[in-house]
Amino acid sequence: MVENRPIATFVSHLVILLGIALVAFPIWVTFVAASHTELRVNQVPMPLVPGDQFWVNLKAAFTEGVGNAKEQSIGIMLFNSMVMALMIAVGKIAISLLSAFAIVYFRFPFRMGFFWMIFITLMLPVEVRILPTFEVVADFGMLNNYFGLSIPLIASATATFMFRQVFLTVPDEMLEAARIDGAGPMRFFKDILVPLSRTNIAALFVILFIYGWNQYLWPLLVTTDKDMYTIVMGIKQMLEAAEESPEWHLIMMTTLLAMLPPVIVVVTMQKLFVRGLTETEK
């Protein structure tokens, strides 16, 4: 029986609408600022209604550049961020799947010890191990390339733990049936475990893609070549205008472009993302 509580329903909907407005308002301001001229954006109060310069600003951002980042194309920075985010997301998922598979289905000495060693790395973020990691990357000659941007961020204890929990829910009868059919370990992994983990892979891909896309500190350390700048680094460079005031209309346009790939990934994978986070049984 569903109770009819109009006041509680009204309050809950009001809270939801306020939350949506709180999250959406900065995005709306960004869009509005990207559609006006520099003079109009700098006026007080700033307009909250879109202007007619959106396509002009879009063309200017791509062709002329912005602030201190004028020597670097926004398209190249977006491409660099895309490659980095994809390499991090795909690499983390691949390594975590294999490591979880080994921990759950293979019996070897100190198996759980290795698992807890992996899990303990959750307490060691990039900022803590940044100096030795940078030295290793520099010694291997991976500065100013995609491997240096991505490989140090690929290992993921969280994803390994998540896939381990998923694999533990797979009935032992499936493993026995695969053995009777003559399937080896990798075939069992490829034909049974990976399809069963599809929704979890999708959920992790969304989270890890956004994690890689938003990286700032590590790309800042390992890139000195402007051709390897990511879009997040580019936006920071645009804000550091030496003797000129920031071109806010173009900076907001670039920020809007930087938000699009994560939004597209979340929207296109929304159903799998929700299922991957909420499913408890396979």
C-alpha atoms as a PDB file:
ATOM      1  CA  MET A   1       0.000   0.000   0.000  1.00  0.00           C
ATOM      2  CA  VAL A   2       1.353   3.411  -0.998  1.00  0.00           C
ATOM      3  CA  GLU A   3       0.532   6.174   1.452  1.00  0.00           C
ATOM      4  CA  ASN A   4      -0.623   9.513   0.075  1.00  0.00           C
ATOM      5  CA  ARG A   5       1.489  12.220   1.694  1.00  0.00           C
ATOM      6  CA  PRO A   6       1.201  15.342  -0.471  1.00  0.00           C
ATOM      7  CA  ILE A   7       3.323  17.535   1.807  1.00  0.00           C
ATOM      8  CA  ALA A   8       6.183  15.027   1.972  1.00  0.00           C
ATOM      9  CA  THR A   9       5.988  14.520  -1.793  1.00  0.00           C
ATOM     10  CA  PHE A  10       6.070  18.278  -2.400  1.00  0.00           C
ATOM     11  CA  VAL A  11       9.053  18.773  -0.077  1.00  0.00           C
ATOM     12  CA  SER A  12      11.010  15.882  -1.599  1.00  0.00           C
ATOM     13  CA  HIS A  13      10.396  17.183  -5.129  1.00  0.00           C
ATOM     14  CA  LEU A  14      11.352  20.697  -4.043  1.00  0.00           C
ATOM     15  CA  VAL A  15      14.639  19.437  -2.585  1.00  0.00           C
ATOM     16  CA  ILE A  16      15.388  17.530  -5.791  1.00  0.00           C
ATOM     17  CA  LEU A  17      14.672  20.603  -7.938  1.00  0.00           C
ATOM     18  CA  LEU A  18      16.857  22.784  -5.729  1.00  0.00           C
ATOM     19  CA  GLY A  19      19.669  20.253  -5.983  1.00  0.00           C
ATOM     20  CA  ILE A  20      19.366  20.158  -9.778  1.00  0.00           C
ATOM     21  CA  ALA A  21      19.359  23.956  -9.931  1.00  0.00           C
ATOM     22  CA  LEU A  22      22.428  24.143  -7.683  1.00  0.00           C
ATOM     23  CA  VAL A  23      24.347  21.762  -9.955  1.00  0.00           C
ATOM     24  CA  ALA A  24      23.059  23.123 -13.270  1.00  0.00           C
ATOM     25  CA  PHE A  25      23.429  26.855 -12.583  1.00  0.00           C
ATOM     26  CA  PRO A  26      27.249  27.035 -13.005  1.00  0.00           C
ATOM     27  CA  ILE A  27      26.925  25.077 -16.267  1.00  0.00           C
ATOM     28  CA  TRP A  28      24.264  27.506 -17.462  1.00  0.00           C
ATOM     29  CA  VAL A  29      26.484  30.484 -16.578  1.00  0.00           C
ATOM     30  CA  THR A  30      29.325  28.881 -18.544  1.00  0.00           C
ATOM     31  CA  PHE A  31      27.077  28.427 -21.582  1.00  0.00           C
ATOM     32  CA  VAL A  32      25.749  31.987 -21.362  1.00  0.00           C
ATOM     33  CA  ALA A  33      29.243  33.485 -21.018  1.00  0.00           C
ATOM     34  CA  ALA A  34      30.394  31.444 -24.037  1.00  0.00           C
ATOM     35  CA  SER A  35      27.662  33.015 -26.155  1.00  0.00           C
ATOM     36  CA  HIS A  36      28.479  36.706 -25.507  1.00  0.00           C
ATOM     37  CA  THR A  37      31.259  39.094 -26.432  1.00  0.00           C
ATOM     38  CA  GLU A  38      34.116  39.804 -24.036  1.00  0.00           C
ATOM     39  CA  LEU A  39      32.753  43.272 -23.269  1.00  0.00           C
ATOM     40  CA  ARG A  40      29.291  41.968 -22.414  1.00  0.00           C
ATOM     41  CA  VAL A  41      30.651  39.169 -20.193  1.00  0.00           C
ATOM     42  CA  ASN A  42      32.731  41.642 -18.164  1.00  0.00           C
ATOM     43  CA  GLN A  43      29.749  43.871 -17.466  1.00  0.00           C
ATOM     44  CA  VAL A  44      28.151  43.863 -14.035  1.00  0.00           C
ATOM     45  CA  PRO A  45      25.791  42.162 -13.658  1.00  0.00           C
ATOM     46  CA  MET A  46      26.709  39.499 -16.169  1.00  0.00           C
ATOM     47  CA  PRO A  47      23.778  38.470 -18.398  1.00  0.00           C
ATOM     48  CA  LEU A  48      21.965  35.247 -17.657  1.00  0.00           C
ATOM     49  CA  VAL A  49      20.350  34.988 -21.090  1.00  0.00           C
ATOM     50  CA  PRO A  50      22.296  33.446 -24.014  1.00  0.00           C
ATOM     51  CA  GLY A  51      23.697  35.823 -26.611  1.00  0.00           C
ATOM     52  CA  ASP A  52      24.253  35.520 -30.351  1.00  0.00           C
ATOM     53  CA  GLN A  53      28.045  35.042 -30.407  1.00  0.00           C
ATOM     54  CA  PHE A  54      28.198  31.319 -29.616  1.00  0.00           C
ATOM     55  CA  TRP A  55      29.398  30.122 -33.022  1.00  0.00           C
ATOM     56  CA  VAL A  56      31.729  33.099 -33.392  1.00  0.00           C
ATOM     57  CA  ASN A  57      33.363  32.307 -30.052  1.00  0.00           C
ATOM     58  CA  LEU A  58      33.534  28.613 -30.917  1.00  0.00           C
ATOM     59  CA  LYS A  59      35.398  29.377 -34.138  1.00  0.00           C
ATOM     60  CA  ALA A  60      37.699  31.836 -32.360  1.00  0.00           C
ATOM     61  CA  ALA A  61      38.548  29.348 -29.619  1.00  0.00           C
ATOM     62  CA  PHE A  62      39.533  26.708 -32.160  1.00  0.00           C
ATOM     63  CA  THR A  63      41.376  28.962 -34.618  1.00  0.00           C
ATOM     64  CA  GLU A  64      42.910  31.721 -32.519  1.00  0.00           C
ATOM     65  CA  GLY A  65      43.470  30.084 -29.158  1.00  0.00           C
ATOM     66  CA  VAL A  66      43.038  31.745 -25.782  1.00  0.00           C
ATOM     67  CA  GLY A  67      45.428  33.664 -23.510  1.00  0.00           C
ATOM     68  CA  ASN A  68      48.756  31.940 -22.834  1.00  0.00           C
ATOM     69  CA  ALA A  69      47.552  28.852 -24.711  1.00  0.00           C
ATOM     70  CA  LYS A  70      47.306  30.609 -28.081  1.00  0.00           C
ATOM     71  CA  GLU A  71      50.281  28.636 -29.373  1.00  0.00           C
ATOM     72  CA  GLN A  72      48.416  25.382 -28.787  1.00  0.00           C
ATOM     73  CA  SER A  73      45.277  24.214 -30.604  1.00  0.00           C
ATOM     74  CA  ILE A  74      42.270  23.404 -28.445  1.00  0.00           C
ATOM     75  CA  GLY A  75      41.588  20.453 -30.735  1.00  0.00           C
ATOM     76  CA  ILE A  76      45.014  18.975 -29.937  1.00  0.00           C
ATOM     77  CA  MET A  77      44.477  19.457 -26.205  1.00  0.00           C
ATOM     78  CA  LEU A  78      41.092  17.746 -26.408  1.00  0.00           C
ATOM     79  CA  PHE A  79      42.678  14.879 -28.357  1.00  0.00           C
ATOM     80  CA  ASN A  80      45.459  14.518 -25.773  1.00  0.00           C
ATOM     81  CA  SER A  81      42.931  14.391 -22.946  1.00  0.00           C
ATOM     82  CA  MET A  82      40.850  11.839 -24.834  1.00  0.00           C
ATOM     83  CA  VAL A  83      43.826   9.547 -25.466  1.00  0.00           C
ATOM     84  CA  MET A  84      44.996   9.840 -21.865  1.00  0.00           C
ATOM     85  CA  ALA A  85      41.526   9.174 -20.418  1.00  0.00           C
ATOM     86  CA  LEU A  86      40.927   6.169 -22.691  1.00  0.00           C
ATOM     87  CA  MET A  87      44.339   4.657 -21.967  1.00  0.00           C
ATOM     88  CA  ILE A  88      43.822   5.041 -18.218  1.00  0.00           C
ATOM     89  CA  ALA A  89      40.274   3.638 -18.259  1.00  0.00           C
ATOM     90  CA  VAL A  90      40.988   0.689 -20.571  1.00  0.00           C
ATOM     91  CA  GLY A  91      44.334  -0.059 -18.899  1.00  0.00           C
ATOM     92  CA  LYS A  92      42.897  -0.005 -15.378  1.00  0.00           C
ATOM     93  CA  ILE A  93      40.020  -2.296 -16.351  1.00  0.00           C
ATOM     94  CA  ALA A  94      42.231  -4.775 -18.223  1.00  0.00           C
ATOM     95  CA  ILE A  95      44.820  -5.058 -15.448  1.00  0.00           C
ATOM     96  CA  SER A  96      42.174  -5.212 -12.714  1.00  0.00           C
ATOM     97  CA  LEU A  97      40.234  -7.964 -14.509  1.00  0.00           C
ATOM     98  CA  LEU A  98      43.342 -10.104 -14.879  1.00  0.00           C
ATOM     99  CA  SER A  99      44.592  -9.512 -11.341  1.00  0.00           C
ATOM    100  CA  ALA A 100      41.174 -10.291  -9.831  1.00  0.00           C
ATOM    101  CA  PHE A 101      40.937 -13.425 -12.002  1.00  0.00           C
ATOM    102  CA  ALA A 102      44.329 -14.615 -10.761  1.00  0.00           C
ATOM    103  CA  ILE A 103      43.497 -13.932  -7.105  1.00  0.00           C
ATOM    104  CA  VAL A 104      40.136 -15.721  -7.189  1.00  0.00           C
ATOM    105  CA  TYR A 105      40.770 -18.705  -9.461  1.00  0.00           C
ATOM    106  CA  PHE A 106      44.449 -19.581  -9.031  1.00  0.00           C
ATOM    107  CA  ARG A 107      46.027 -21.091  -5.960  1.00  0.00           C
ATOM    108  CA  PHE A 108      49.560 -19.877  -5.378  1.00  0.00           C
ATOM    109  CA  PRO A 109      51.643 -19.019  -2.292  1.00  0.00           C
ATOM    110  CA  PHE A 110      50.816 -15.756  -0.524  1.00  0.00           C
ATOM    111  CA  ARG A 111      47.794 -15.228  -2.780  1.00  0.00           C
ATOM    112  CA  MET A 112      45.825 -13.214  -0.203  1.00  0.00           C
ATOM    113  CA  GLY A 113      48.988 -11.409   0.839  1.00  0.00           C
ATOM    114  CA  PHE A 114      49.370 -10.087  -2.682  1.00  0.00           C
ATOM    115  CA  PHE A 115      45.722  -9.073  -2.704  1.00  0.00           C
ATOM    116  CA  TRP A 116      46.102  -7.064   0.506  1.00  0.00           C
ATOM    117  CA  MET A 117      49.287  -5.484  -0.840  1.00  0.00           C
ATOM    118  CA  ILE A 118      47.261  -4.315  -3.838  1.00  0.00           C
ATOM    119  CA  PHE A 119      44.474  -3.109  -1.563  1.00  0.00           C
ATOM    120  CA  ILE A 120      46.872  -1.149   0.668  1.00  0.00           C
ATOM    121  CA  THR A 121      47.880   0.966  -2.335  1.00  0.00           C
ATOM    122  CA  LEU A 122      44.545   2.766  -1.875  1.00  0.00           C
ATOM    123  CA  MET A 123      46.367   4.717   0.836  1.00  0.00           C
ATOM    124  CA  LEU A 124      49.089   5.781  -1.612  1.00  0.00           C
ATOM    125  CA  PRO A 125      47.622   8.210  -4.145  1.00  0.00           C
ATOM    126  CA  VAL A 126      49.720   9.754  -6.904  1.00  0.00           C
ATOM    127  CA  GLU A 127      50.479  12.817  -4.783  1.00  0.00           C
ATOM    128  CA  VAL A 128      52.223  10.671  -2.136  1.00  0.00           C
ATOM    129  CA  ARG A 129      54.456   8.742  -4.579  1.00  0.00           C
ATOM    130  CA  ILE A 130      54.819  11.493  -7.133  1.00  0.00           C
ATOM    131  CA  LEU A 131      58.598  12.044  -6.861  1.00  0.00           C
ATOM    132  CA  PRO A 132      59.709   8.393  -7.283  1.00  0.00           C
ATOM    133  CA  THR A 133      57.087   7.882  -9.989  1.00  0.00           C
ATOM    134  CA  PHE A 134      58.355  10.919 -11.876  1.00  0.00           C
ATOM    135  CA  GLU A 135      61.938   9.658 -11.606  1.00  0.00           C
ATOM    136  CA  VAL A 136      60.957   6.255 -13.011  1.00  0.00           C
ATOM    137  CA  VAL A 137      59.034   7.871 -15.886  1.00  0.00           C
ATOM    138  CA  ALA A 138      61.971  10.163 -16.660  1.00  0.00           C
ATOM    139  CA  ASP A 139      64.485   7.284 -16.551  1.00  0.00           C
ATOM    140  CA  PHE A 140      62.409   5.304 -19.034  1.00  0.00           C
ATOM    141  CA  GLY A 141      62.193   8.284 -21.386  1.00  0.00           C
ATOM    142  CA  MET A 142      58.415   8.605 -21.128  1.00  0.00           C
ATOM    143  CA  LEU A 143      58.216  12.347 -20.603  1.00  0.00           C
ATOM    144  CA  ASN A 144      56.109  14.230 -23.137  1.00  0.00           C
ATOM    145  CA  ASN A 145      54.315  11.177 -24.500  1.00  0.00           C
ATOM    146  CA  TYR A 146      51.049   9.353 -23.925  1.00  0.00           C
ATOM    147  CA  PHE A 147      52.685   6.442 -22.100  1.00  0.00           C
ATOM    148  CA  GLY A 148      54.163   8.755 -19.485  1.00  0.00           C
ATOM    149  CA  LEU A 149      50.779  10.434 -19.058  1.00  0.00           C
ATOM    150  CA  SER A 150      48.870   7.193 -18.624  1.00  0.00           C
ATOM    151  CA  ILE A 151      50.936   4.214 -17.398  1.00  0.00           C
ATOM    152  CA  PRO A 152      51.696   5.543 -13.862  1.00  0.00           C
ATOM    153  CA  LEU A 153      47.937   6.015 -13.295  1.00  0.00           C
ATOM    154  CA  ILE A 154      46.797   2.648 -14.646  1.00  0.00           C
ATOM    155  CA  ALA A 155      47.007   0.411 -11.546  1.00  0.00           C
ATOM    156  CA  SER A 156      43.749   0.397  -9.572  1.00  0.00           C
ATOM    157  CA  ALA A 157      43.164  -1.357  -6.256  1.00  0.00           C
ATOM    158  CA  THR A 158      39.516  -0.289  -6.248  1.00  0.00           C
ATOM    159  CA  ALA A 159      38.770  -1.930  -9.587  1.00  0.00           C
ATOM    160  CA  THR A 160      40.661  -5.088  -8.577  1.00  0.00           C
ATOM    161  CA  PHE A 161      38.618  -5.334  -5.377  1.00  0.00           C
ATOM    162  CA  MET A 162      35.363  -4.747  -7.264  1.00  0.00           C
ATOM    163  CA  PHE A 163      36.061  -7.443  -9.868  1.00  0.00           C
ATOM    164  CA  ARG A 164      37.187  -9.847  -7.147  1.00  0.00           C
ATOM    165  CA  GLN A 165      33.836  -9.446  -5.421  1.00  0.00           C
ATOM    166  CA  VAL A 166      32.045 -10.021  -8.732  1.00  0.00           C
ATOM    167  CA  PHE A 167      34.029 -13.171  -9.494  1.00  0.00           C
ATOM    168  CA  LEU A 168      33.334 -14.557  -6.009  1.00  0.00           C
ATOM    169  CA  THR A 169      29.595 -14.508  -6.820  1.00  0.00           C
ATOM    170  CA  VAL A 170      30.071 -16.778  -9.861  1.00  0.00           C
ATOM    171  CA  PRO A 171      28.945 -20.322  -8.902  1.00  0.00           C
ATOM    172  CA  ASP A 172      31.645 -22.989  -8.782  1.00  0.00           C
ATOM    173  CA  GLU A 173      29.437 -25.140 -11.016  1.00  0.00           C
ATOM    174  CA  MET A 174      30.162 -22.820 -13.941  1.00  0.00           C
ATOM    175  CA  LEU A 175      33.882 -23.404 -13.503  1.00  0.00           C
ATOM    176  CA  GLU A 176      33.356 -27.161 -13.316  1.00  0.00           C
ATOM    177  CA  ALA A 177      31.145 -27.107 -16.412  1.00  0.00           C
ATOM    178  CA  ALA A 178      33.786 -25.151 -18.301  1.00  0.00           C
ATOM    179  CA  ARG A 179      36.434 -27.695 -17.300  1.00  0.00           C
ATOM    180  CA  ILE A 180      34.235 -30.595 -18.450  1.00  0.00           C
ATOM    181  CA  ASP A 181      33.790 -28.844 -21.816  1.00  0.00           C
ATOM    182  CA  GLY A 182      37.556 -28.617 -22.111  1.00  0.00           C
ATOM    183  CA  ALA A 183      37.771 -24.832 -21.668  1.00  0.00           C
ATOM    184  CA  GLY A 184      41.109 -23.564 -20.406  1.00  0.00           C
ATOM    185  CA  PRO A 185      41.525 -20.735 -17.885  1.00  0.00           C
ATOM    186  CA  MET A 186      41.684 -17.955 -20.472  1.00  0.00           C
ATOM    187  CA  ARG A 187      38.659 -19.253 -22.368  1.00  0.00           C
ATOM    188  CA  PHE A 188      36.690 -19.414 -19.109  1.00  0.00           C
ATOM    189  CA  PHE A 189      37.831 -15.862 -18.416  1.00  0.00           C
ATOM    190  CA  LYS A 190      36.952 -14.570 -21.905  1.00  0.00           C
ATOM    191  CA  ASP A 191      33.682 -16.421 -22.528  1.00  0.00           C
ATOM    192  CA  ILE A 192      32.145 -16.453 -19.043  1.00  0.00           C
ATOM    193  CA  LEU A 193      33.688 -14.001 -16.587  1.00  0.00           C
ATOM    194  CA  VAL A 194      34.056 -10.997 -18.888  1.00  0.00           C
ATOM    195  CA  PRO A 195      30.435 -11.161 -20.201  1.00  0.00           C
ATOM    196  CA  LEU A 196      29.150 -11.541 -16.636  1.00  0.00           C
ATOM    197  CA  SER A 197      31.137  -8.442 -15.652  1.00  0.00           C
ATOM    198  CA  ARG A 198      29.861  -6.306 -18.535  1.00  0.00           C
ATOM    199  CA  THR A 199      27.790  -3.905 -16.421  1.00  0.00           C
ATOM    200  CA  ASN A 200      30.567  -3.552 -13.838  1.00  0.00           C
ATOM    201  CA  ILE A 201      33.062  -2.837 -16.617  1.00  0.00           C
ATOM    202  CA  ALA A 202      30.756  -0.136 -17.974  1.00  0.00           C
ATOM    203  CA  ALA A 203      30.338   1.474 -14.550  1.00  0.00           C
ATOM    204  CA  LEU A 204      34.079   1.458 -13.934  1.00  0.00           C
ATOM    205  CA  PHE A 205      34.780   2.782 -17.419  1.00  0.00           C
ATOM    206  CA  VAL A 206      32.628   5.855 -16.773  1.00  0.00           C
ATOM    207  CA  ILE A 207      34.286   6.540 -13.412  1.00  0.00           C
ATOM    208  CA  LEU A 208      37.827   5.940 -14.667  1.00  0.00           C
ATOM    209  CA  PHE A 209      37.335   7.916 -17.882  1.00  0.00           C
ATOM    210  CA  ILE A 210      36.272  10.971 -15.877  1.00  0.00           C
ATOM    211  CA  TYR A 211      39.157  10.365 -13.455  1.00  0.00           C
ATOM    212  CA  GLY A 212      41.647  10.360 -16.332  1.00  0.00           C
ATOM    213  CA  TRP A 213      40.022  13.295 -18.110  1.00  0.00           C
ATOM    214  CA  ASN A 214      40.190  15.526 -15.021  1.00  0.00           C
ATOM    215  CA  GLN A 215      43.849  14.848 -14.211  1.00  0.00           C
ATOM    216  CA  TYR A 216      45.879  18.030 -13.788  1.00  0.00           C
ATOM    217  CA  LEU A 217      48.860  17.589 -11.458  1.00  0.00           C
ATOM    218  CA  TRP A 218      50.445  14.559 -13.129  1.00  0.00           C
ATOM    219  CA  PRO A 219      50.190  15.885 -16.736  1.00  0.00           C
ATOM    220  CA  LEU A 220      51.596  19.183 -15.474  1.00  0.00           C
ATOM    221  CA  LEU A 221      54.718  17.385 -14.205  1.00  0.00           C
ATOM    222  CA  VAL A 222      55.443  15.069 -17.139  1.00  0.00           C
ATOM    223  CA  THR A 223      54.718  17.439 -20.045  1.00  0.00           C
ATOM    224  CA  THR A 224      56.898  20.357 -21.069  1.00  0.00           C
ATOM    225  CA  ASP A 225      56.000  20.186 -24.757  1.00  0.00           C
ATOM    226  CA  LYS A 226      52.912  22.255 -25.529  1.00  0.00           C
ATOM    227  CA  ASP A 227      51.832  19.654 -28.082  1.00  0.00           C
ATOM    228  CA  MET A 228      51.173  17.280 -25.160  1.00  0.00           C
ATOM    229  CA  TYR A 229      49.075  19.669 -23.053  1.00  0.00           C
ATOM    230  CA  THR A 230      45.702  18.339 -21.928  1.00  0.00           C
ATOM    231  CA  ILE A 231      42.545  20.439 -21.983  1.00  0.00           C
ATOM    232  CA  VAL A 232      42.568  20.893 -18.182  1.00  0.00           C
ATOM    233  CA  MET A 233      46.121  22.218 -18.372  1.00  0.00           C
ATOM    234  CA  GLY A 234      45.098  24.437 -21.270  1.00  0.00           C
ATOM    235  CA  ILE A 235      42.291  26.060 -19.299  1.00  0.00           C
ATOM    236  CA  LYS A 236      44.710  26.821 -16.463  1.00  0.00           C
ATOM    237  CA  GLN A 237      47.137  28.387 -18.953  1.00  0.00           C
ATOM    238  CA  MET A 238      44.349  30.533 -20.380  1.00  0.00           C
ATOM    239  CA  LEU A 239      43.661  32.000 -16.947  1.00  0.00           C
ATOM    240  CA  GLU A 240      47.289  33.074 -16.508  1.00  0.00           C
ATOM    241  CA  ALA A 241      47.308  36.043 -18.826  1.00  0.00           C
ATOM    242  CA  ALA A 242      50.399  38.131 -18.073  1.00  0.00           C
ATOM    243  CA  GLU A 243      49.418  41.709 -18.867  1.00  0.00           C
ATOM    244  CA  GLU A 244      46.013  41.121 -20.382  1.00  0.00           C
ATOM    245  CA  SER A 245      42.694  40.454 -18.735  1.00  0.00           C
ATOM    246  CA  PRO A 246      41.441  36.887 -19.217  1.00  0.00           C
ATOM    247  CA  GLU A 247      39.231  36.405 -22.273  1.00  0.00           C
ATOM    248  CA  TRP A 248      36.386  34.981 -20.261  1.00  0.00           C
ATOM    249  CA  HIS A 249      34.046  34.382 -23.172  1.00  0.00           C
ATOM    250  CA  LEU A 250      36.620  32.141 -24.884  1.00  0.00           C
ATOM    251  CA  ILE A 251      37.722  30.516 -21.625  1.00  0.00           C
ATOM    252  CA  MET A 252      34.100  29.605 -20.906  1.00  0.00           C
ATOM    253  CA  MET A 253      33.751  28.238 -24.434  1.00  0.00           C
ATOM    254  CA  THR A 254      36.806  26.049 -23.886  1.00  0.00           C
ATOM    255  CA  THR A 255      35.427  24.925 -20.516  1.00  0.00           C
ATOM    256  CA  LEU A 256      32.159  24.010 -22.203  1.00  0.00           C
ATOM    257  CA  LEU A 257      34.043  21.937 -24.776  1.00  0.00           C
ATOM    258  CA  ALA A 258      36.007  20.254 -21.997  1.00  0.00           C
ATOM    259  CA  MET A 259      32.770  19.161 -20.319  1.00  0.00           C
ATOM    260  CA  LEU A 260      31.297  17.548 -23.420  1.00  0.00           C
ATOM    261  CA  PRO A 261      33.243  14.229 -23.624  1.00  0.00           C
ATOM    262  CA  PRO A 262      32.557  13.206 -19.989  1.00  0.00           C
ATOM    263  CA  VAL A 263      28.903  14.176 -20.390  1.00  0.00           C
ATOM    264  CA  ILE A 264      28.619  12.132 -23.590  1.00  0.00           C
ATOM    265  CA  VAL A 265      30.220   9.107 -21.902  1.00  0.00           C
ATOM    266  CA  VAL A 266      27.875   9.329 -18.893  1.00  0.00           C
ATOM    267  CA  VAL A 267      24.740   9.805 -21.015  1.00  0.00           C
ATOM    268  CA  THR A 268      25.505   7.008 -23.480  1.00  0.00           C
ATOM    269  CA  MET A 269      26.434   4.523 -20.743  1.00  0.00           C
ATOM    270  CA  GLN A 270      23.929   5.635 -18.124  1.00  0.00           C
ATOM    271  CA  LYS A 271      21.864   2.420 -17.972  1.00  0.00           C
ATOM    272  CA  LEU A 272      24.901   0.142 -17.789  1.00  0.00           C
ATOM    273  CA  PHE A 273      26.494   2.494 -15.257  1.00  0.00           C
ATOM    274  CA  VAL A 274      23.507   2.320 -12.885  1.00  0.00           C
ATOM    275  CA  ARG A 275      23.148  -1.439 -13.287  1.00  0.00           C
ATOM    276  CA  GLY A 276      26.854  -1.967 -12.671  1.00  0.00           C
ATOM    277  CA  LEU A 277      26.678  -0.089  -9.372  1.00  0.00           C
ATOM    278  CA  THR A 278      23.423  -1.611  -8.120  1.00  0.00           C
ATOM    279  CA  GLU A 279      23.457  -5.252  -9.247  1.00  0.00           C
ATOM    280  CA  THR A 280      24.189  -7.691  -6.459  1.00  0.00           C
ATOM    281  CA  GLU A 281      23.400 -10.986  -8.177  1.00  0.00           C
ATOM    282  CA  LYS A 282      24.427 -12.396 -11.529  1.00  0.00           C
END
